[in-house]
Amino acid sequence: MAPVFIDTNIPMYAAGASHPLKEPSQRVILAVATGKLDAVTDTEVFQEILYRYIHIKEVEKGFQVFDHFHRIMVGRILPIEELDILKTRELAEQYPFLSPRDLIHLAVMNHYRIKEIISTDKGFDNVPGIQRIPPSEY
């Protein structure tokens, strides 16, 4: 069985300020860290983490989130290859409601035949063959 994909918003909510999604996201991260959840992510997730924290001028916090998530995900970070970029372009026509970053994740998931994603992003709910699992339901 394929692992579940961990979207960017999970480590960010887990590390963030008080929010209804903080504790559920922390449960997901703990399950990955302890091996109770077979999970992967991709390199784009790390770019997104840095981008967001640099953008809001919380660079040190961004480095902490990046480093902590990286330590948990070592060996489970999928690359983005040329065929994934081409697939992203194709998916952009099919799913214009998804952001370019989510399209890249979807292309990587397609490449590795991953059908489940833990994410708060409801856009994935409208992609046939993909099951989004909200962190609150994990």
N, C-alpha and C. Protein backbone atom coordinates (compact mmCIF):
# COMPACT_ATOMS: atom_id res chain seq x y z
N MET A 1 0.84 -1.18 0.00
CA MET A 1 0.00 0.00 0.00
C MET A 1 0.89 1.25 0.00
N ALA A 2 0.51 2.23 -0.78
CA ALA A 2 1.28 3.47 -0.89
C ALA A 2 1.14 4.31 0.38
N PRO A 3 2.16 5.06 0.71
CA PRO A 3 2.05 5.96 1.87
C PRO A 3 1.13 7.13 1.58
N VAL A 4 0.82 7.87 2.61
CA VAL A 4 0.01 9.07 2.48
C VAL A 4 0.94 10.27 2.29
N PHE A 5 0.50 11.25 1.52
CA PHE A 5 1.28 12.45 1.27
C PHE A 5 0.95 13.49 2.34
N ILE A 6 1.98 14.13 2.90
CA ILE A 6 1.78 15.18 3.89
C ILE A 6 1.95 16.52 3.20
N ASP A 7 0.90 17.33 3.22
CA ASP A 7 0.91 18.64 2.59
C ASP A 7 1.58 19.66 3.52
N THR A 8 1.97 20.77 2.94
CA THR A 8 2.69 21.84 3.63
C THR A 8 1.96 22.36 4.85
N ASN A 9 0.64 22.46 4.77
CA ASN A 9 -0.10 23.08 5.86
C ASN A 9 -0.05 22.27 7.15
N ILE A 10 0.29 21.00 7.08
CA ILE A 10 0.32 20.17 8.29
C ILE A 10 1.48 20.57 9.22
N PRO A 11 2.73 20.57 8.75
CA PRO A 11 3.79 21.01 9.67
C PRO A 11 3.66 22.48 10.06
N MET A 12 3.09 23.30 9.20
CA MET A 12 2.94 24.72 9.53
C MET A 12 1.87 24.94 10.60
N TYR A 13 0.74 24.25 10.50
CA TYR A 13 -0.26 24.36 11.57
C TYR A 13 0.28 23.74 12.86
N ALA A 14 1.00 22.63 12.75
CA ALA A 14 1.53 21.97 13.94
C ALA A 14 2.47 22.89 14.71
N ALA A 15 3.22 23.71 14.01
CA ALA A 15 4.20 24.62 14.63
C ALA A 15 3.62 26.01 14.90
N GLY A 16 2.43 26.26 14.42
CA GLY A 16 1.88 27.61 14.47
C GLY A 16 1.26 27.99 15.79
N ALA A 17 0.66 29.16 15.77
CA ALA A 17 -0.02 29.71 16.94
C ALA A 17 -1.28 28.89 17.23
N SER A 18 -1.90 29.20 18.32
CA SER A 18 -3.13 28.53 18.71
C SER A 18 -4.15 28.61 17.57
N HIS A 19 -4.70 27.46 17.22
CA HIS A 19 -5.64 27.35 16.11
C HIS A 19 -6.33 26.00 16.24
N PRO A 20 -7.58 25.87 15.80
CA PRO A 20 -8.26 24.57 15.88
C PRO A 20 -7.53 23.44 15.15
N LEU A 21 -6.69 23.76 14.16
CA LEU A 21 -5.98 22.72 13.41
C LEU A 21 -4.60 22.41 13.98
N LYS A 22 -4.18 23.13 14.99
CA LYS A 22 -2.84 22.92 15.57
C LYS A 22 -2.71 21.52 16.16
N GLU A 23 -3.57 21.16 17.08
CA GLU A 23 -3.46 19.87 17.76
C GLU A 23 -3.66 18.69 16.80
N PRO A 24 -4.65 18.73 15.90
CA PRO A 24 -4.76 17.62 14.94
C PRO A 24 -3.51 17.49 14.04
N SER A 25 -2.95 18.61 13.65
CA SER A 25 -1.74 18.57 12.83
C SER A 25 -0.55 18.04 13.62
N GLN A 26 -0.48 18.38 14.89
CA GLN A 26 0.58 17.84 15.74
C GLN A 26 0.45 16.33 15.88
N ARG A 27 -0.79 15.83 15.97
CA ARG A 27 -1.01 14.37 16.03
C ARG A 27 -0.48 13.69 14.78
N VAL A 28 -0.73 14.30 13.61
CA VAL A 28 -0.25 13.73 12.36
C VAL A 28 1.28 13.70 12.35
N ILE A 29 1.90 14.81 12.71
CA ILE A 29 3.37 14.88 12.73
C ILE A 29 3.94 13.85 13.70
N LEU A 30 3.35 13.71 14.87
CA LEU A 30 3.80 12.72 15.85
C LEU A 30 3.67 11.30 15.30
N ALA A 31 2.57 11.03 14.62
CA ALA A 31 2.37 9.70 14.04
C ALA A 31 3.44 9.39 12.99
N VAL A 32 3.79 10.39 12.19
CA VAL A 32 4.86 10.19 11.20
C VAL A 32 6.18 9.97 11.92
N ALA A 33 6.48 10.81 12.90
CA ALA A 33 7.77 10.75 13.61
C ALA A 33 7.96 9.42 14.34
N THR A 34 6.88 8.85 14.84
CA THR A 34 6.98 7.60 15.60
C THR A 34 6.78 6.36 14.72
N GLY A 35 6.57 6.55 13.43
CA GLY A 35 6.42 5.42 12.52
C GLY A 35 5.04 4.82 12.50
N LYS A 36 4.08 5.45 13.15
CA LYS A 36 2.71 4.93 13.14
C LYS A 36 1.96 5.27 11.86
N LEU A 37 2.51 6.23 11.11
CA LEU A 37 1.89 6.64 9.85
C LEU A 37 2.96 6.60 8.77
N ASP A 38 2.72 5.81 7.73
CA ASP A 38 3.62 5.73 6.59
C ASP A 38 3.33 6.93 5.70
N ALA A 39 4.28 7.86 5.64
CA ALA A 39 4.03 9.13 4.95
C ALA A 39 5.23 9.57 4.15
N VAL A 40 4.93 10.37 3.12
CA VAL A 40 5.95 11.01 2.29
C VAL A 40 5.53 12.46 2.08
N THR A 41 6.46 13.22 1.55
CA THR A 41 6.18 14.58 1.11
C THR A 41 7.07 14.81 -0.09
N ASP A 42 7.09 16.03 -0.63
CA ASP A 42 7.99 16.30 -1.74
C ASP A 42 8.82 17.54 -1.47
N THR A 43 9.78 17.77 -2.34
CA THR A 43 10.71 18.88 -2.14
C THR A 43 9.99 20.22 -2.17
N GLU A 44 8.92 20.34 -2.90
CA GLU A 44 8.18 21.60 -2.99
C GLU A 44 7.62 22.02 -1.64
N VAL A 45 7.29 21.09 -0.79
CA VAL A 45 6.78 21.42 0.54
C VAL A 45 7.80 22.26 1.30
N PHE A 46 9.06 21.92 1.17
CA PHE A 46 10.10 22.66 1.89
C PHE A 46 10.28 24.07 1.32
N GLN A 47 10.15 24.21 0.02
CA GLN A 47 10.19 25.54 -0.58
C GLN A 47 9.03 26.37 -0.07
N GLU A 48 7.86 25.77 0.02
CA GLU A 48 6.68 26.49 0.50
C GLU A 48 6.85 26.96 1.94
N ILE A 49 7.42 26.11 2.79
CA ILE A 49 7.66 26.50 4.18
C ILE A 49 8.57 27.72 4.23
N LEU A 50 9.69 27.65 3.53
CA LEU A 50 10.61 28.80 3.54
C LEU A 50 9.97 30.04 2.95
N TYR A 51 9.29 29.86 1.84
CA TYR A 51 8.65 31.01 1.19
C TYR A 51 7.72 31.74 2.14
N ARG A 52 6.86 30.98 2.80
CA ARG A 52 5.86 31.60 3.68
C ARG A 52 6.50 32.34 4.84
N TYR A 53 7.43 31.69 5.52
CA TYR A 53 8.02 32.33 6.69
C TYR A 53 8.93 33.49 6.32
N ILE A 54 9.62 33.40 5.22
CA ILE A 54 10.43 34.54 4.77
C ILE A 54 9.50 35.69 4.39
N HIS A 55 8.42 35.39 3.71
CA HIS A 55 7.45 36.40 3.28
C HIS A 55 6.86 37.17 4.47
N ILE A 56 6.58 36.48 5.55
CA ILE A 56 5.99 37.15 6.71
C ILE A 56 7.08 37.62 7.69
N LYS A 57 8.32 37.52 7.26
CA LYS A 57 9.47 38.01 8.04
C LYS A 57 9.62 37.30 9.39
N GLU A 58 9.35 36.00 9.36
CA GLU A 58 9.60 35.15 10.53
C GLU A 58 10.59 34.06 10.12
N VAL A 59 11.75 34.51 9.67
CA VAL A 59 12.75 33.62 9.08
C VAL A 59 13.20 32.54 10.06
N GLU A 60 13.53 32.91 11.28
CA GLU A 60 14.01 31.92 12.25
C GLU A 60 12.96 30.85 12.52
N LYS A 61 11.70 31.28 12.65
CA LYS A 61 10.61 30.32 12.84
C LYS A 61 10.52 29.39 11.63
N GLY A 62 10.67 29.95 10.44
CA GLY A 62 10.66 29.15 9.22
C GLY A 62 11.77 28.12 9.20
N PHE A 63 12.95 28.52 9.63
CA PHE A 63 14.08 27.58 9.70
C PHE A 63 13.76 26.45 10.68
N GLN A 64 13.14 26.79 11.80
CA GLN A 64 12.80 25.77 12.80
C GLN A 64 11.79 24.77 12.23
N VAL A 65 10.74 25.29 11.59
CA VAL A 65 9.72 24.40 11.00
C VAL A 65 10.36 23.53 9.92
N PHE A 66 11.15 24.15 9.05
CA PHE A 66 11.84 23.43 7.98
C PHE A 66 12.71 22.31 8.57
N ASP A 67 13.57 22.67 9.52
CA ASP A 67 14.52 21.70 10.08
C ASP A 67 13.81 20.56 10.80
N HIS A 68 12.80 20.88 11.59
CA HIS A 68 12.08 19.85 12.33
C HIS A 68 11.37 18.90 11.37
N PHE A 69 10.67 19.45 10.41
CA PHE A 69 9.95 18.59 9.44
C PHE A 69 10.94 17.77 8.62
N HIS A 70 12.07 18.36 8.26
CA HIS A 70 13.08 17.62 7.50
C HIS A 70 13.59 16.43 8.31
N ARG A 71 13.89 16.64 9.59
CA ARG A 71 14.38 15.53 10.42
C ARG A 71 13.37 14.38 10.46
N ILE A 72 12.10 14.72 10.52
CA ILE A 72 11.05 13.69 10.56
C ILE A 72 10.94 12.97 9.22
N MET A 73 11.13 13.70 8.13
CA MET A 73 10.85 13.15 6.80
C MET A 73 12.09 12.61 6.07
N VAL A 74 13.25 12.64 6.67
CA VAL A 74 14.47 12.13 6.01
C VAL A 74 14.19 10.76 5.41
N GLY A 75 14.55 10.61 4.15
CA GLY A 75 14.33 9.35 3.45
C GLY A 75 12.94 9.19 2.87
N ARG A 76 12.07 10.17 3.13
CA ARG A 76 10.69 10.10 2.65
C ARG A 76 10.30 11.37 1.90
N ILE A 77 11.31 12.04 1.34
CA ILE A 77 11.07 13.27 0.59
C ILE A 77 11.23 12.95 -0.89
N LEU A 78 10.14 13.06 -1.61
CA LEU A 78 10.14 12.71 -3.03
C LEU A 78 10.66 13.88 -3.86
N PRO A 79 11.47 13.57 -4.88
CA PRO A 79 11.97 14.63 -5.75
C PRO A 79 10.91 15.06 -6.75
N ILE A 80 11.13 16.21 -7.33
CA ILE A 80 10.30 16.67 -8.44
C ILE A 80 11.14 16.53 -9.69
N GLU A 81 10.70 15.68 -10.57
CA GLU A 81 11.46 15.37 -11.78
C GLU A 81 10.84 16.07 -12.99
N GLU A 82 11.54 16.02 -14.09
CA GLU A 82 11.05 16.67 -15.30
C GLU A 82 9.67 16.16 -15.71
N LEU A 83 9.45 14.86 -15.60
CA LEU A 83 8.14 14.32 -15.99
C LEU A 83 7.05 14.85 -15.06
N ASP A 84 7.40 15.16 -13.81
CA ASP A 84 6.42 15.74 -12.89
C ASP A 84 6.05 17.16 -13.31
N ILE A 85 7.03 17.90 -13.79
CA ILE A 85 6.77 19.26 -14.25
C ILE A 85 5.84 19.23 -15.47
N LEU A 86 6.10 18.31 -16.38
CA LEU A 86 5.24 18.18 -17.56
C LEU A 86 3.82 17.75 -17.16
N LYS A 87 3.74 16.85 -16.18
CA LYS A 87 2.43 16.42 -15.69
C LYS A 87 1.70 17.58 -15.00
N THR A 88 2.46 18.44 -14.31
CA THR A 88 1.87 19.60 -13.66
C THR A 88 1.17 20.48 -14.70
N ARG A 89 1.83 20.68 -15.81
CA ARG A 89 1.25 21.49 -16.90
C ARG A 89 -0.06 20.87 -17.38
N GLU A 90 -0.07 19.58 -17.56
CA GLU A 90 -1.27 18.86 -18.00
C GLU A 90 -2.39 18.98 -16.95
N LEU A 91 -2.03 18.81 -15.70
CA LEU A 91 -3.01 18.88 -14.62
C LEU A 91 -3.59 20.29 -14.46
N ALA A 92 -2.80 21.30 -14.81
CA ALA A 92 -3.26 22.69 -14.70
C ALA A 92 -4.47 22.93 -15.59
N GLU A 93 -4.53 22.25 -16.72
CA GLU A 93 -5.69 22.38 -17.61
C GLU A 93 -6.90 21.64 -17.03
N GLN A 94 -6.66 20.50 -16.42
CA GLN A 94 -7.75 19.70 -15.86
C GLN A 94 -8.32 20.32 -14.58
N TYR A 95 -7.45 20.90 -13.76
CA TYR A 95 -7.85 21.37 -12.44
C TYR A 95 -7.44 22.83 -12.24
N PRO A 96 -8.06 23.75 -12.97
CA PRO A 96 -7.67 25.16 -12.87
C PRO A 96 -7.93 25.78 -11.49
N PHE A 97 -8.67 25.09 -10.64
CA PHE A 97 -8.98 25.59 -9.31
C PHE A 97 -7.85 25.29 -8.31
N LEU A 98 -6.86 24.48 -8.70
CA LEU A 98 -5.75 24.19 -7.81
C LEU A 98 -4.62 25.19 -8.03
N SER A 99 -3.90 25.50 -6.97
CA SER A 99 -2.74 26.39 -7.08
C SER A 99 -1.61 25.65 -7.80
N PRO A 100 -0.68 26.38 -8.37
CA PRO A 100 0.47 25.71 -9.01
C PRO A 100 1.22 24.79 -8.05
N ARG A 101 1.33 25.18 -6.81
CA ARG A 101 2.03 24.32 -5.83
C ARG A 101 1.25 23.03 -5.60
N ASP A 102 -0.06 23.12 -5.47
CA ASP A 102 -0.86 21.91 -5.28
C ASP A 102 -0.82 21.03 -6.53
N LEU A 103 -0.74 21.65 -7.69
CA LEU A 103 -0.62 20.88 -8.93
C LEU A 103 0.68 20.09 -8.97
N ILE A 104 1.75 20.69 -8.47
CA ILE A 104 3.03 19.96 -8.40
C ILE A 104 2.90 18.77 -7.46
N HIS A 105 2.30 19.00 -6.28
CA HIS A 105 2.10 17.88 -5.35
C HIS A 105 1.27 16.78 -6.01
N LEU A 106 0.23 17.17 -6.72
CA LEU A 106 -0.63 16.20 -7.38
C LEU A 106 0.15 15.41 -8.45
N ALA A 107 1.01 16.09 -9.19
CA ALA A 107 1.82 15.41 -10.20
C ALA A 107 2.77 14.40 -9.55
N VAL A 108 3.37 14.78 -8.46
CA VAL A 108 4.27 13.86 -7.74
C VAL A 108 3.47 12.69 -7.18
N MET A 109 2.31 12.96 -6.62
CA MET A 109 1.46 11.88 -6.12
C MET A 109 1.09 10.92 -7.25
N ASN A 110 0.76 11.47 -8.41
CA ASN A 110 0.44 10.66 -9.58
C ASN A 110 1.62 9.78 -9.96
N HIS A 111 2.80 10.37 -10.01
CA HIS A 111 4.04 9.66 -10.37
C HIS A 111 4.27 8.45 -9.46
N TYR A 112 4.05 8.63 -8.17
CA TYR A 112 4.32 7.57 -7.19
C TYR A 112 3.06 6.80 -6.78
N ARG A 113 1.98 7.04 -7.50
CA ARG A 113 0.70 6.34 -7.28
C ARG A 113 0.19 6.49 -5.85
N ILE A 114 0.30 7.69 -5.33
CA ILE A 114 -0.20 8.00 -3.99
C ILE A 114 -1.60 8.57 -4.15
N LYS A 115 -2.53 7.99 -3.45
CA LYS A 115 -3.94 8.36 -3.61
C LYS A 115 -4.52 9.12 -2.41
N GLU A 116 -3.75 9.24 -1.33
CA GLU A 116 -4.25 9.93 -0.14
C GLU A 116 -3.31 11.06 0.24
N ILE A 117 -3.89 12.16 0.69
CA ILE A 117 -3.13 13.31 1.14
C ILE A 117 -3.74 13.83 2.43
N ILE A 118 -2.91 14.07 3.42
CA ILE A 118 -3.38 14.73 4.63
C ILE A 118 -3.14 16.21 4.41
N SER A 119 -4.23 16.95 4.38
CA SER A 119 -4.17 18.36 4.02
C SER A 119 -5.42 19.08 4.51
N THR A 120 -5.27 20.38 4.72
CA THR A 120 -6.44 21.21 5.02
C THR A 120 -6.99 21.83 3.74
N ASP A 121 -6.32 21.62 2.64
CA ASP A 121 -6.68 22.24 1.36
C ASP A 121 -7.83 21.48 0.70
N LYS A 122 -9.01 22.06 0.73
CA LYS A 122 -10.20 21.40 0.21
C LYS A 122 -10.22 21.28 -1.31
N GLY A 123 -9.32 21.95 -2.01
CA GLY A 123 -9.25 21.81 -3.46
C GLY A 123 -9.01 20.37 -3.88
N PHE A 124 -8.29 19.61 -3.06
CA PHE A 124 -8.02 18.21 -3.39
C PHE A 124 -9.29 17.37 -3.37
N ASP A 125 -10.34 17.85 -2.70
CA ASP A 125 -11.60 17.11 -2.65
C ASP A 125 -12.24 16.98 -4.03
N ASN A 126 -11.86 17.85 -4.94
CA ASN A 126 -12.45 17.86 -6.28
C ASN A 126 -11.60 17.17 -7.32
N VAL A 127 -10.64 16.38 -6.87
CA VAL A 127 -9.77 15.64 -7.79
C VAL A 127 -10.15 14.17 -7.72
N PRO A 128 -10.74 13.63 -8.80
CA PRO A 128 -11.12 12.22 -8.79
C PRO A 128 -9.92 11.32 -8.52
N GLY A 129 -10.14 10.30 -7.70
CA GLY A 129 -9.09 9.34 -7.40
C GLY A 129 -8.17 9.75 -6.26
N ILE A 130 -8.36 10.94 -5.72
CA ILE A 130 -7.55 11.42 -4.60
C ILE A 130 -8.46 11.56 -3.39
N GLN A 131 -8.01 11.03 -2.27
CA GLN A 131 -8.76 11.18 -1.04
C GLN A 131 -7.98 12.12 -0.13
N ARG A 132 -8.61 13.25 0.19
CA ARG A 132 -8.01 14.18 1.15
C ARG A 132 -8.48 13.77 2.53
N ILE A 133 -7.53 13.69 3.43
CA ILE A 133 -7.84 13.38 4.82
C ILE A 133 -7.54 14.64 5.63
N PRO A 134 -8.56 15.29 6.18
CA PRO A 134 -8.31 16.44 7.03
C PRO A 134 -7.55 15.98 8.29
N PRO A 135 -6.65 16.80 8.81
CA PRO A 135 -5.91 16.37 10.00
C PRO A 135 -6.83 16.04 11.17
N SER A 136 -7.97 16.69 11.24
CA SER A 136 -8.91 16.43 12.32
C SER A 136 -9.53 15.04 12.23
N GLU A 137 -9.43 14.40 11.07
CA GLU A 137 -10.00 13.06 10.89
C GLU A 137 -8.94 11.96 10.98
N TYR A 138 -7.70 12.35 11.22
CA TYR A 138 -6.67 11.32 11.33
C TYR A 138 -6.67 10.76 12.74
